[in-house]
Amino acid sequence: MLALLIDAVLQLVLFLLLGGAGDGGARPAGRRPPPALAGGLQVVLLVLVLLGYPVVMERFADGRTVGKLVVGLRVGGRPRRRAGGPTCPTSSSRWNWPGAPG
């Protein structure tokens, strides 16, 4: 449970950092994007963070997220390649997508 909380906080911070970085700087002073466009981009960014974080971590940290590394949890039952290495991003995204068939 602690690992899930750590991962959720990291995903929230990542979402806020990426969302805040896209908010300023590049537009002229006083101009804002239309609210529908800004909301749509936030939804796309949220989906990318919620799906991309576990996929990237599984790919490059031997199937473990930062929360699992901090708590020291071992990963079992995850799909692996025949050679025993980490899964490809496609398999990892299928595994992490909520409600997706295994």
PDB file of N, CA and C in Angstrom:
ATOM      1  N   MET A   1       0.807  -1.187   0.000  1.00  0.00           N
ATOM      2  CA  MET A   1       0.000   0.000   0.000  1.00  0.00           C
ATOM      3  C   MET A   1       0.861   1.267   0.000  1.00  0.00           C
ATOM      4  N   LEU A   2       1.981   1.194   0.732  1.00  0.00           N
ATOM      5  CA  LEU A   2       2.885   2.340   0.766  1.00  0.00           C
ATOM      6  C   LEU A   2       3.510   2.573  -0.618  1.00  0.00           C
ATOM      7  N   ALA A   3       3.815   1.498  -1.331  1.00  0.00           N
ATOM      8  CA  ALA A   3       4.395   1.625  -2.671  1.00  0.00           C
ATOM      9  C   ALA A   3       3.414   2.310  -3.614  1.00  0.00           C
ATOM     10  N   LEU A   4       2.132   1.961  -3.510  1.00  0.00           N
ATOM     11  CA  LEU A   4       1.107   2.590  -4.339  1.00  0.00           C
ATOM     12  C   LEU A   4       0.977   4.070  -4.017  1.00  0.00           C
ATOM     13  N   LEU A   5       1.048   4.424  -2.740  1.00  0.00           N
ATOM     14  CA  LEU A   5       0.964   5.826  -2.338  1.00  0.00           C
ATOM     15  C   LEU A   5       2.157   6.616  -2.874  1.00  0.00           C
ATOM     16  N   ILE A   6       3.342   6.046  -2.784  1.00  0.00           N
ATOM     17  CA  ILE A   6       4.539   6.724  -3.309  1.00  0.00           C
ATOM     18  C   ILE A   6       4.415   6.938  -4.816  1.00  0.00           C
ATOM     19  N   ASP A   7       3.966   5.914  -5.531  1.00  0.00           N
ATOM     20  CA  ASP A   7       3.796   6.038  -6.982  1.00  0.00           C
ATOM     21  C   ASP A   7       2.730   7.076  -7.331  1.00  0.00           C
ATOM     22  N   ALA A   8       1.639   7.108  -6.573  1.00  0.00           N
ATOM     23  CA  ALA A   8       0.576   8.080  -6.843  1.00  0.00           C
ATOM     24  C   ALA A   8       1.068   9.505  -6.625  1.00  0.00           C
ATOM     25  N   VAL A   9       1.836   9.731  -5.573  1.00  0.00           N
ATOM     26  CA  VAL A   9       2.385  11.070  -5.318  1.00  0.00           C
ATOM     27  C   VAL A   9       3.356  11.466  -6.423  1.00  0.00           C
ATOM     28  N   LEU A  10       4.205  10.536  -6.853  1.00  0.00           N
ATOM     29  CA  LEU A  10       5.142  10.839  -7.940  1.00  0.00           C
ATOM     30  C   LEU A  10       4.413  11.152  -9.252  1.00  0.00           C
ATOM     31  N   GLN A  11       3.345  10.421  -9.531  1.00  0.00           N
ATOM     32  CA  GLN A  11       2.571  10.692 -10.739  1.00  0.00           C
ATOM     33  C   GLN A  11       1.889  12.056 -10.655  1.00  0.00           C
ATOM     34  N   LEU A  12       1.383  12.421  -9.484  1.00  0.00           N
ATOM     35  CA  LEU A  12       0.762  13.731  -9.307  1.00  0.00           C
ATOM     36  C   LEU A  12       1.784  14.846  -9.509  1.00  0.00           C
ATOM     37  N   VAL A  13       2.963  14.683  -8.920  1.00  0.00           N
ATOM     38  CA  VAL A  13       4.024  15.697  -9.086  1.00  0.00           C
ATOM     39  C   VAL A  13       4.440  15.800 -10.547  1.00  0.00           C
ATOM     40  N   LEU A  14       4.579  14.672 -11.216  1.00  0.00           N
ATOM     41  CA  LEU A  14       4.944  14.673 -12.632  1.00  0.00           C
ATOM     42  C   LEU A  14       3.878  15.377 -13.471  1.00  0.00           C
ATOM     43  N   PHE A  15       2.606  15.098 -13.182  1.00  0.00           N
ATOM     44  CA  PHE A  15       1.509  15.737 -13.899  1.00  0.00           C
ATOM     45  C   PHE A  15       1.524  17.250 -13.680  1.00  0.00           C
ATOM     46  N   LEU A  16       1.731  17.674 -12.431  1.00  0.00           N
ATOM     47  CA  LEU A  16       1.747  19.108 -12.133  1.00  0.00           C
ATOM     48  C   LEU A  16       2.949  19.807 -12.761  1.00  0.00           C
ATOM     49  N   LEU A  17       4.105  19.133 -12.752  1.00  0.00           N
ATOM     50  CA  LEU A  17       5.294  19.737 -13.366  1.00  0.00           C
ATOM     51  C   LEU A  17       5.128  19.878 -14.878  1.00  0.00           C
ATOM     52  N   LEU A  18       4.643  18.821 -15.522  1.00  0.00           N
ATOM     53  CA  LEU A  18       4.465  18.885 -16.974  1.00  0.00           C
ATOM     54  C   LEU A  18       3.336  19.843 -17.355  1.00  0.00           C
ATOM     55  N   GLY A  19       2.281  19.860 -16.574  1.00  0.00           N
ATOM     56  CA  GLY A  19       1.173  20.771 -16.847  1.00  0.00           C
ATOM     57  C   GLY A  19       1.561  22.223 -16.632  1.00  0.00           C
ATOM     58  N   GLY A  20       2.363  22.466 -15.594  1.00  0.00           N
ATOM     59  CA  GLY A  20       2.815  23.828 -15.320  1.00  0.00           C
ATOM     60  C   GLY A  20       3.835  24.305 -16.336  1.00  0.00           C
ATOM     61  N   ALA A  21       4.649  23.390 -16.833  1.00  0.00           N
ATOM     62  CA  ALA A  21       5.658  23.769 -17.836  1.00  0.00           C
ATOM     63  C   ALA A  21       4.994  24.137 -19.154  1.00  0.00           C
ATOM     64  N   GLY A  22       3.875  23.525 -19.463  1.00  0.00           N
ATOM     65  CA  GLY A  22       3.174  23.837 -20.706  1.00  0.00           C
ATOM     66  C   GLY A  22       2.283  25.049 -20.599  1.00  0.00           C
ATOM     67  N   ASP A  23       2.165  25.630 -19.395  1.00  0.00           N
ATOM     68  CA  ASP A  23       1.239  26.735 -19.190  1.00  0.00           C
ATOM     69  C   ASP A  23       1.832  28.090 -19.537  1.00  0.00           C
ATOM     70  N   GLY A  24       3.095  28.286 -19.322  1.00  0.00           N
ATOM     71  CA  GLY A  24       3.625  29.639 -19.487  1.00  0.00           C
ATOM     72  C   GLY A  24       4.815  29.702 -20.407  1.00  0.00           C
ATOM     73  N   GLY A  25       5.229  30.941 -20.632  1.00  0.00           N
ATOM     74  CA  GLY A  25       6.461  31.144 -21.357  1.00  0.00           C
ATOM     75  C   GLY A  25       6.306  31.329 -22.851  1.00  0.00           C
ATOM     76  N   ALA A  26       5.653  30.446 -23.547  1.00  0.00           N
ATOM     77  CA  ALA A  26       5.641  30.466 -25.004  1.00  0.00           C
ATOM     78  C   ALA A  26       4.539  31.361 -25.569  1.00  0.00           C
ATOM     79  N   ARG A  27       3.556  31.738 -24.774  1.00  0.00           N
ATOM     80  CA  ARG A  27       2.454  32.526 -25.321  1.00  0.00           C
ATOM     81  C   ARG A  27       2.669  34.012 -25.034  1.00  0.00           C
ATOM     82  N   PRO A  28       2.096  34.857 -25.853  1.00  0.00           N
ATOM     83  CA  PRO A  28       2.193  36.308 -25.611  1.00  0.00           C
ATOM     84  C   PRO A  28       1.510  36.684 -24.303  1.00  0.00           C
ATOM     85  N   ALA A  29       1.931  37.787 -23.705  1.00  0.00           N
ATOM     86  CA  ALA A  29       1.378  38.218 -22.422  1.00  0.00           C
ATOM     87  C   ALA A  29      -0.123  38.474 -22.548  1.00  0.00           C
ATOM     88  N   GLY A  30      -0.871  37.954 -21.590  1.00  0.00           N
ATOM     89  CA  GLY A  30      -2.309  38.195 -21.564  1.00  0.00           C
ATOM     90  C   GLY A  30      -3.144  37.255 -22.408  1.00  0.00           C
ATOM     91  N   ARG A  31      -2.536  36.379 -23.168  1.00  0.00           N
ATOM     92  CA  ARG A  31      -3.309  35.464 -24.025  1.00  0.00           C
ATOM     93  C   ARG A  31      -3.357  34.093 -23.391  1.00  0.00           C
ATOM     94  N   ARG A  32      -4.530  33.518 -23.369  1.00  0.00           N
ATOM     95  CA  ARG A  32      -4.731  32.176 -22.830  1.00  0.00           C
ATOM     96  C   ARG A  32      -5.364  31.308 -23.904  1.00  0.00           C
ATOM     97  N   PRO A  33      -5.070  30.008 -23.881  1.00  0.00           N
ATOM     98  CA  PRO A  33      -5.730  29.115 -24.841  1.00  0.00           C
ATOM     99  C   PRO A  33      -7.209  28.982 -24.476  1.00  0.00           C
ATOM    100  N   PRO A  34      -8.036  28.624 -25.440  1.00  0.00           N
ATOM    101  CA  PRO A  34      -9.458  28.416 -25.135  1.00  0.00           C
ATOM    102  C   PRO A  34      -9.606  27.338 -24.052  1.00  0.00           C
ATOM    103  N   PRO A  35     -10.602  27.491 -23.179  1.00  0.00           N
ATOM    104  CA  PRO A  35     -10.767  26.532 -22.081  1.00  0.00           C
ATOM    105  C   PRO A  35     -10.953  25.085 -22.557  1.00  0.00           C
ATOM    106  N   ALA A  36     -11.635  24.882 -23.665  1.00  0.00           N
ATOM    107  CA  ALA A  36     -11.839  23.519 -24.164  1.00  0.00           C
ATOM    108  C   ALA A  36     -10.508  22.891 -24.585  1.00  0.00           C
ATOM    109  N   LEU A  37      -9.657  23.659 -25.231  1.00  0.00           N
ATOM    110  CA  LEU A  37      -8.352  23.152 -25.643  1.00  0.00           C
ATOM    111  C   LEU A  37      -7.485  22.843 -24.427  1.00  0.00           C
ATOM    112  N   ALA A  38      -7.484  23.751 -23.451  1.00  0.00           N
ATOM    113  CA  ALA A  38      -6.679  23.534 -22.253  1.00  0.00           C
ATOM    114  C   ALA A  38      -7.158  22.295 -21.497  1.00  0.00           C
ATOM    115  N   GLY A  39      -8.462  22.112 -21.383  1.00  0.00           N
ATOM    116  CA  GLY A  39      -8.999  20.933 -20.704  1.00  0.00           C
ATOM    117  C   GLY A  39      -8.672  19.649 -21.440  1.00  0.00           C
ATOM    118  N   GLY A  40      -8.770  19.693 -22.764  1.00  0.00           N
ATOM    119  CA  GLY A  40      -8.442  18.510 -23.562  1.00  0.00           C
ATOM    120  C   GLY A  40      -6.985  18.125 -23.433  1.00  0.00           C
ATOM    121  N   LEU A  41      -6.108  19.117 -23.440  1.00  0.00           N
ATOM    122  CA  LEU A  41      -4.681  18.833 -23.284  1.00  0.00           C
ATOM    123  C   LEU A  41      -4.367  18.281 -21.898  1.00  0.00           C
ATOM    124  N   GLN A  42      -5.082  18.757 -20.879  1.00  0.00           N
ATOM    125  CA  GLN A  42      -4.875  18.230 -19.532  1.00  0.00           C
ATOM    126  C   GLN A  42      -5.302  16.767 -19.436  1.00  0.00           C
ATOM    127  N   VAL A  43      -6.401  16.423 -20.095  1.00  0.00           N
ATOM    128  CA  VAL A  43      -6.851  15.028 -20.087  1.00  0.00           C
ATOM    129  C   VAL A  43      -5.827  14.139 -20.792  1.00  0.00           C
ATOM    130  N   VAL A  44      -5.322  14.589 -21.932  1.00  0.00           N
ATOM    131  CA  VAL A  44      -4.315  13.817 -22.662  1.00  0.00           C
ATOM    132  C   VAL A  44      -3.051  13.665 -21.815  1.00  0.00           C
ATOM    133  N   LEU A  45      -2.626  14.726 -21.169  1.00  0.00           N
ATOM    134  CA  LEU A  45      -1.438  14.667 -20.317  1.00  0.00           C
ATOM    135  C   LEU A  45      -1.655  13.723 -19.137  1.00  0.00           C
ATOM    136  N   LEU A  46      -2.838  13.755 -18.542  1.00  0.00           N
ATOM    137  CA  LEU A  46      -3.133  12.869 -17.421  1.00  0.00           C
ATOM    138  C   LEU A  46      -3.070  11.401 -17.833  1.00  0.00           C
ATOM    139  N   VAL A  47      -3.640  11.079 -18.983  1.00  0.00           N
ATOM    140  CA  VAL A  47      -3.602   9.695 -19.470  1.00  0.00           C
ATOM    141  C   VAL A  47      -2.161   9.278 -19.764  1.00  0.00           C
ATOM    142  N   LEU A  48      -1.390  10.176 -20.364  1.00  0.00           N
ATOM    143  CA  LEU A  48       0.012   9.848 -20.655  1.00  0.00           C
ATOM    144  C   LEU A  48       0.813   9.604 -19.381  1.00  0.00           C
ATOM    145  N   VAL A  49       0.566  10.397 -18.346  1.00  0.00           N
ATOM    146  CA  VAL A  49       1.304  10.220 -17.094  1.00  0.00           C
ATOM    147  C   VAL A  49       0.861   8.935 -16.398  1.00  0.00           C
ATOM    148  N   LEU A  50      -0.454   8.699 -16.319  1.00  0.00           N
ATOM    149  CA  LEU A  50      -0.955   7.520 -15.614  1.00  0.00           C
ATOM    150  C   LEU A  50      -0.574   6.220 -16.308  1.00  0.00           C
ATOM    151  N   LEU A  51      -0.480   6.229 -17.619  1.00  0.00           N
ATOM    152  CA  LEU A  51      -0.093   5.025 -18.339  1.00  0.00           C
ATOM    153  C   LEU A  51       1.420   4.984 -18.588  1.00  0.00           C
ATOM    154  N   GLY A  52       2.018   6.116 -18.865  1.00  0.00           N
ATOM    155  CA  GLY A  52       3.435   6.153 -19.221  1.00  0.00           C
ATOM    156  C   GLY A  52       4.375   5.888 -18.060  1.00  0.00           C
ATOM    157  N   TYR A  53       4.028   6.362 -16.874  1.00  0.00           N
ATOM    158  CA  TYR A  53       4.896   6.163 -15.709  1.00  0.00           C
ATOM    159  C   TYR A  53       5.155   4.681 -15.437  1.00  0.00           C
ATOM    160  N   PRO A  54       4.105   3.842 -15.290  1.00  0.00           N
ATOM    161  CA  PRO A  54       4.397   2.427 -15.022  1.00  0.00           C
ATOM    162  C   PRO A  54       5.083   1.727 -16.192  1.00  0.00           C
ATOM    163  N   VAL A  55       4.745   2.112 -17.426  1.00  0.00           N
ATOM    164  CA  VAL A  55       5.354   1.469 -18.594  1.00  0.00           C
ATOM    165  C   VAL A  55       6.845   1.776 -18.648  1.00  0.00           C
ATOM    166  N   VAL A  56       7.207   3.028 -18.461  1.00  0.00           N
ATOM    167  CA  VAL A  56       8.622   3.417 -18.506  1.00  0.00           C
ATOM    168  C   VAL A  56       9.385   2.776 -17.349  1.00  0.00           C
ATOM    169  N   MET A  57       8.796   2.779 -16.165  1.00  0.00           N
ATOM    170  CA  MET A  57       9.481   2.186 -15.018  1.00  0.00           C
ATOM    171  C   MET A  57       9.650   0.681 -15.189  1.00  0.00           C
ATOM    172  N   GLU A  58       8.627  -0.002 -15.696  1.00  0.00           N
ATOM    173  CA  GLU A  58       8.766  -1.442 -15.920  1.00  0.00           C
ATOM    174  C   GLU A  58       9.845  -1.737 -16.937  1.00  0.00           C
ATOM    175  N   ARG A  59       9.934  -0.904 -17.926  1.00  0.00           N
ATOM    176  CA  ARG A  59      10.898  -1.140 -18.999  1.00  0.00           C
ATOM    177  C   ARG A  59      12.329  -0.966 -18.514  1.00  0.00           C
ATOM    178  N   PHE A  60      12.574   0.062 -17.710  1.00  0.00           N
ATOM    179  CA  PHE A  60      13.950   0.407 -17.370  1.00  0.00           C
ATOM    180  C   PHE A  60      14.353   0.083 -15.934  1.00  0.00           C
ATOM    181  N   ALA A  61      13.423  -0.364 -15.093  1.00  0.00           N
ATOM    182  CA  ALA A  61      13.767  -0.686 -13.700  1.00  0.00           C
ATOM    183  C   ALA A  61      13.412  -2.128 -13.368  1.00  0.00           C
ATOM    184  N   ASP A  62      13.532  -3.009 -14.330  1.00  0.00           N
ATOM    185  CA  ASP A  62      13.304  -4.438 -14.130  1.00  0.00           C
ATOM    186  C   ASP A  62      11.921  -4.749 -13.574  1.00  0.00           C
ATOM    187  N   GLY A  63      10.908  -4.067 -14.095  1.00  0.00           N
ATOM    188  CA  GLY A  63       9.534  -4.360 -13.733  1.00  0.00           C
ATOM    189  C   GLY A  63       9.067  -3.752 -12.428  1.00  0.00           C
ATOM    190  N   ARG A  64       9.845  -2.852 -11.853  1.00  0.00           N
ATOM    191  CA  ARG A  64       9.464  -2.251 -10.574  1.00  0.00           C
ATOM    192  C   ARG A  64       9.356  -0.748 -10.712  1.00  0.00           C
ATOM    193  N   THR A  65       8.374  -0.167 -10.047  1.00  0.00           N
ATOM    194  CA  THR A  65       8.222   1.283 -10.026  1.00  0.00           C
ATOM    195  C   THR A  65       9.051   1.844  -8.876  1.00  0.00           C
ATOM    196  N   VAL A  66       9.102   3.172  -8.774  1.00  0.00           N
ATOM    197  CA  VAL A  66       9.881   3.804  -7.712  1.00  0.00           C
ATOM    198  C   VAL A  66       9.337   3.400  -6.345  1.00  0.00           C
ATOM    199  N   GLY A  67       8.018   3.337  -6.211  1.00  0.00           N
ATOM    200  CA  GLY A  67       7.425   2.933  -4.946  1.00  0.00           C
ATOM    201  C   GLY A  67       7.828   1.530  -4.544  1.00  0.00           C
ATOM    202  N   LYS A  68       7.841   0.613  -5.492  1.00  0.00           N
ATOM    203  CA  LYS A  68       8.245  -0.761  -5.198  1.00  0.00           C
ATOM    204  C   LYS A  68       9.736  -0.830  -4.865  1.00  0.00           C
ATOM    205  N   LEU A  69      10.542  -0.016  -5.516  1.00  0.00           N
ATOM    206  CA  LEU A  69      11.967   0.001  -5.210  1.00  0.00           C
ATOM    207  C   LEU A  69      12.217   0.530  -3.800  1.00  0.00           C
ATOM    208  N   VAL A  70      11.487   1.580  -3.406  1.00  0.00           N
ATOM    209  CA  VAL A  70      11.677   2.173  -2.077  1.00  0.00           C
ATOM    210  C   VAL A  70      11.258   1.194  -0.981  1.00  0.00           C
ATOM    211  N   VAL A  71      10.106   0.539  -1.186  1.00  0.00           N
ATOM    212  CA  VAL A  71       9.597  -0.388  -0.173  1.00  0.00           C
ATOM    213  C   VAL A  71      10.333  -1.717  -0.218  1.00  0.00           C
ATOM    214  N   GLY A  72      10.909  -2.051  -1.360  1.00  0.00           N
ATOM    215  CA  GLY A  72      11.650  -3.299  -1.495  1.00  0.00           C
ATOM    216  C   GLY A  72      10.794  -4.474  -1.937  1.00  0.00           C
ATOM    217  N   LEU A  73       9.679  -4.193  -2.611  1.00  0.00           N
ATOM    218  CA  LEU A  73       8.809  -5.262  -3.085  1.00  0.00           C
ATOM    219  C   LEU A  73       9.411  -5.942  -4.305  1.00  0.00           C
ATOM    220  N   ARG A  74       9.280  -7.249  -4.356  1.00  0.00           N
ATOM    221  CA  ARG A  74       9.698  -8.020  -5.525  1.00  0.00           C
ATOM    222  C   ARG A  74       8.503  -8.159  -6.446  1.00  0.00           C
ATOM    223  N   VAL A  75       8.767  -8.203  -7.727  1.00  0.00           N
ATOM    224  CA  VAL A  75       7.703  -8.306  -8.713  1.00  0.00           C
ATOM    225  C   VAL A  75       7.567  -9.754  -9.125  1.00  0.00           C
ATOM    226  N   GLY A  76       6.355 -10.261  -9.097  1.00  0.00           N
ATOM    227  CA  GLY A  76       6.111 -11.630  -9.522  1.00  0.00           C
ATOM    228  C   GLY A  76       4.899 -11.683 -10.430  1.00  0.00           C
ATOM    229  N   GLY A  77       4.917 -12.577 -11.380  1.00  0.00           N
ATOM    230  CA  GLY A  77       3.765 -12.753 -12.248  1.00  0.00           C
ATOM    231  C   GLY A  77       3.686 -11.795 -13.414  1.00  0.00           C
ATOM    232  N   ARG A  78       4.621 -10.924 -13.543  1.00  0.00           N
ATOM    233  CA  ARG A  78       4.620 -10.005 -14.677  1.00  0.00           C
ATOM    234  C   ARG A  78       5.096 -10.747 -15.920  1.00  0.00           C
ATOM    235  N   PRO A  79       4.577 -10.353 -17.083  1.00  0.00           N
ATOM    236  CA  PRO A  79       5.067 -10.991 -18.306  1.00  0.00           C
ATOM    237  C   PRO A  79       6.541 -10.682 -18.537  1.00  0.00           C
ATOM    238  N   ARG A  80       7.300 -11.669 -18.899  1.00  0.00           N
ATOM    239  CA  ARG A  80       8.726 -11.506 -19.158  1.00  0.00           C
ATOM    240  C   ARG A  80       9.049 -12.088 -20.526  1.00  0.00           C
ATOM    241  N   ARG A  81      10.142 -11.642 -21.086  1.00  0.00           N
ATOM    242  CA  ARG A  81      10.603 -12.247 -22.330  1.00  0.00           C
ATOM    243  C   ARG A  81      11.202 -13.607 -22.038  1.00  0.00           C
ATOM    244  N   ARG A  82      11.361 -14.395 -23.054  1.00  0.00           N
ATOM    245  CA  ARG A  82      11.928 -15.737 -22.871  1.00  0.00           C
ATOM    246  C   ARG A  82      13.337 -15.688 -22.300  1.00  0.00           C
ATOM    247  N   ALA A  83      14.087 -14.658 -22.652  1.00  0.00           N
ATOM    248  CA  ALA A  83      15.454 -14.553 -22.162  1.00  0.00           C
ATOM    249  C   ALA A  83      15.505 -14.070 -20.714  1.00  0.00           C
ATOM    250  N   GLY A  84      14.346 -13.687 -20.144  1.00  0.00           N
ATOM    251  CA  GLY A  84      14.309 -13.259 -18.759  1.00  0.00           C
ATOM    252  C   GLY A  84      14.448 -11.765 -18.576  1.00  0.00           C
ATOM    253  N   GLY A  85      14.569 -11.021 -19.648  1.00  0.00           N
ATOM    254  CA  GLY A  85      14.705  -9.577 -19.536  1.00  0.00           C
ATOM    255  C   GLY A  85      13.363  -8.889 -19.378  1.00  0.00           C
ATOM    256  N   PRO A  86      13.358  -7.575 -19.271  1.00  0.00           N
ATOM    257  CA  PRO A  86      12.109  -6.846 -19.113  1.00  0.00           C
ATOM    258  C   PRO A  86      11.232  -6.953 -20.359  1.00  0.00           C
ATOM    259  N   THR A  87       9.961  -6.691 -20.172  1.00  0.00           N
ATOM    260  CA  THR A  87       9.023  -6.785 -21.281  1.00  0.00           C
ATOM    261  C   THR A  87       9.200  -5.602 -22.228  1.00  0.00           C
ATOM    262  N   CYS A  88       8.609  -5.729 -23.397  1.00  0.00           N
ATOM    263  CA  CYS A  88       8.619  -4.621 -24.343  1.00  0.00           C
ATOM    264  C   CYS A  88       7.550  -3.614 -23.904  1.00  0.00           C
ATOM    265  N   PRO A  89       7.616  -2.371 -24.378  1.00  0.00           N
ATOM    266  CA  PRO A  89       6.630  -1.370 -23.982  1.00  0.00           C
ATOM    267  C   PRO A  89       5.192  -1.764 -24.327  1.00  0.00           C
ATOM    268  N   THR A  90       4.985  -2.493 -25.413  1.00  0.00           N
ATOM    269  CA  THR A  90       3.632  -2.893 -25.783  1.00  0.00           C
ATOM    270  C   THR A  90       3.041  -3.845 -24.750  1.00  0.00           C
ATOM    271  N   SER A  91       3.794  -4.848 -24.346  1.00  0.00           N
ATOM    272  CA  SER A  91       3.305  -5.780 -23.333  1.00  0.00           C
ATOM    273  C   SER A  91       3.086  -5.079 -22.001  1.00  0.00           C
ATOM    274  N   SER A  92       3.984  -4.191 -21.665  1.00  0.00           N
ATOM    275  CA  SER A  92       3.867  -3.468 -20.411  1.00  0.00           C
ATOM    276  C   SER A  92       2.639  -2.567 -20.400  1.00  0.00           C
ATOM    277  N   SER A  93       2.358  -1.900 -21.514  1.00  0.00           N
ATOM    278  CA  SER A  93       1.186  -1.026 -21.554  1.00  0.00           C
ATOM    279  C   SER A  93      -0.095  -1.842 -21.490  1.00  0.00           C
ATOM    280  N   ARG A  94      -0.116  -3.031 -22.110  1.00  0.00           N
ATOM    281  CA  ARG A  94      -1.297  -3.896 -21.993  1.00  0.00           C
ATOM    282  C   ARG A  94      -1.488  -4.343 -20.561  1.00  0.00           C
ATOM    283  N   TRP A  95      -0.418  -4.640 -19.857  1.00  0.00           N
ATOM    284  CA  TRP A  95      -0.509  -5.100 -18.487  1.00  0.00           C
ATOM    285  C   TRP A  95      -0.995  -3.988 -17.566  1.00  0.00           C
ATOM    286  N   ASN A  96      -0.580  -2.740 -17.796  1.00  0.00           N
ATOM    287  CA  ASN A  96      -0.902  -1.627 -16.906  1.00  0.00           C
ATOM    288  C   ASN A  96      -2.202  -0.921 -17.249  1.00  0.00           C
ATOM    289  N   TRP A  97      -2.746  -1.140 -18.417  1.00  0.00           N
ATOM    290  CA  TRP A  97      -3.979  -0.450 -18.786  1.00  0.00           C
ATOM    291  C   TRP A  97      -5.139  -1.066 -18.010  1.00  0.00           C
ATOM    292  N   PRO A  98      -5.903  -0.257 -17.282  1.00  0.00           N
ATOM    293  CA  PRO A  98      -6.990  -0.805 -16.462  1.00  0.00           C
ATOM    294  C   PRO A  98      -8.040  -1.509 -17.310  1.00  0.00           C
ATOM    295  N   GLY A  99      -8.370  -2.719 -16.952  1.00  0.00           N
ATOM    296  CA  GLY A  99      -9.414  -3.475 -17.643  1.00  0.00           C
ATOM    297  C   GLY A  99      -8.983  -4.150 -18.920  1.00  0.00           C
ATOM    298  N   ALA A 100      -7.717  -4.036 -19.275  1.00  0.00           N
ATOM    299  CA  ALA A 100      -7.249  -4.659 -20.511  1.00  0.00           C
ATOM    300  C   ALA A 100      -7.083  -6.161 -20.307  1.00  0.00           C
ATOM    301  N   PRO A 101      -7.414  -6.946 -21.304  1.00  0.00           N
ATOM    302  CA  PRO A 101      -7.199  -8.396 -21.163  1.00  0.00           C
ATOM    303  C   PRO A 101      -5.720  -8.706 -21.134  1.00  0.00           C
ATOM    304  N   GLY A 102      -5.336  -9.651 -20.305  1.00  0.00           N
ATOM    305  CA  GLY A 102      -3.928 -10.025 -20.161  1.00  0.00           C
ATOM    306  C   GLY A 102      -3.456 -10.755 -21.337  1.00  0.00           C
TER     307      GLY A 102
END
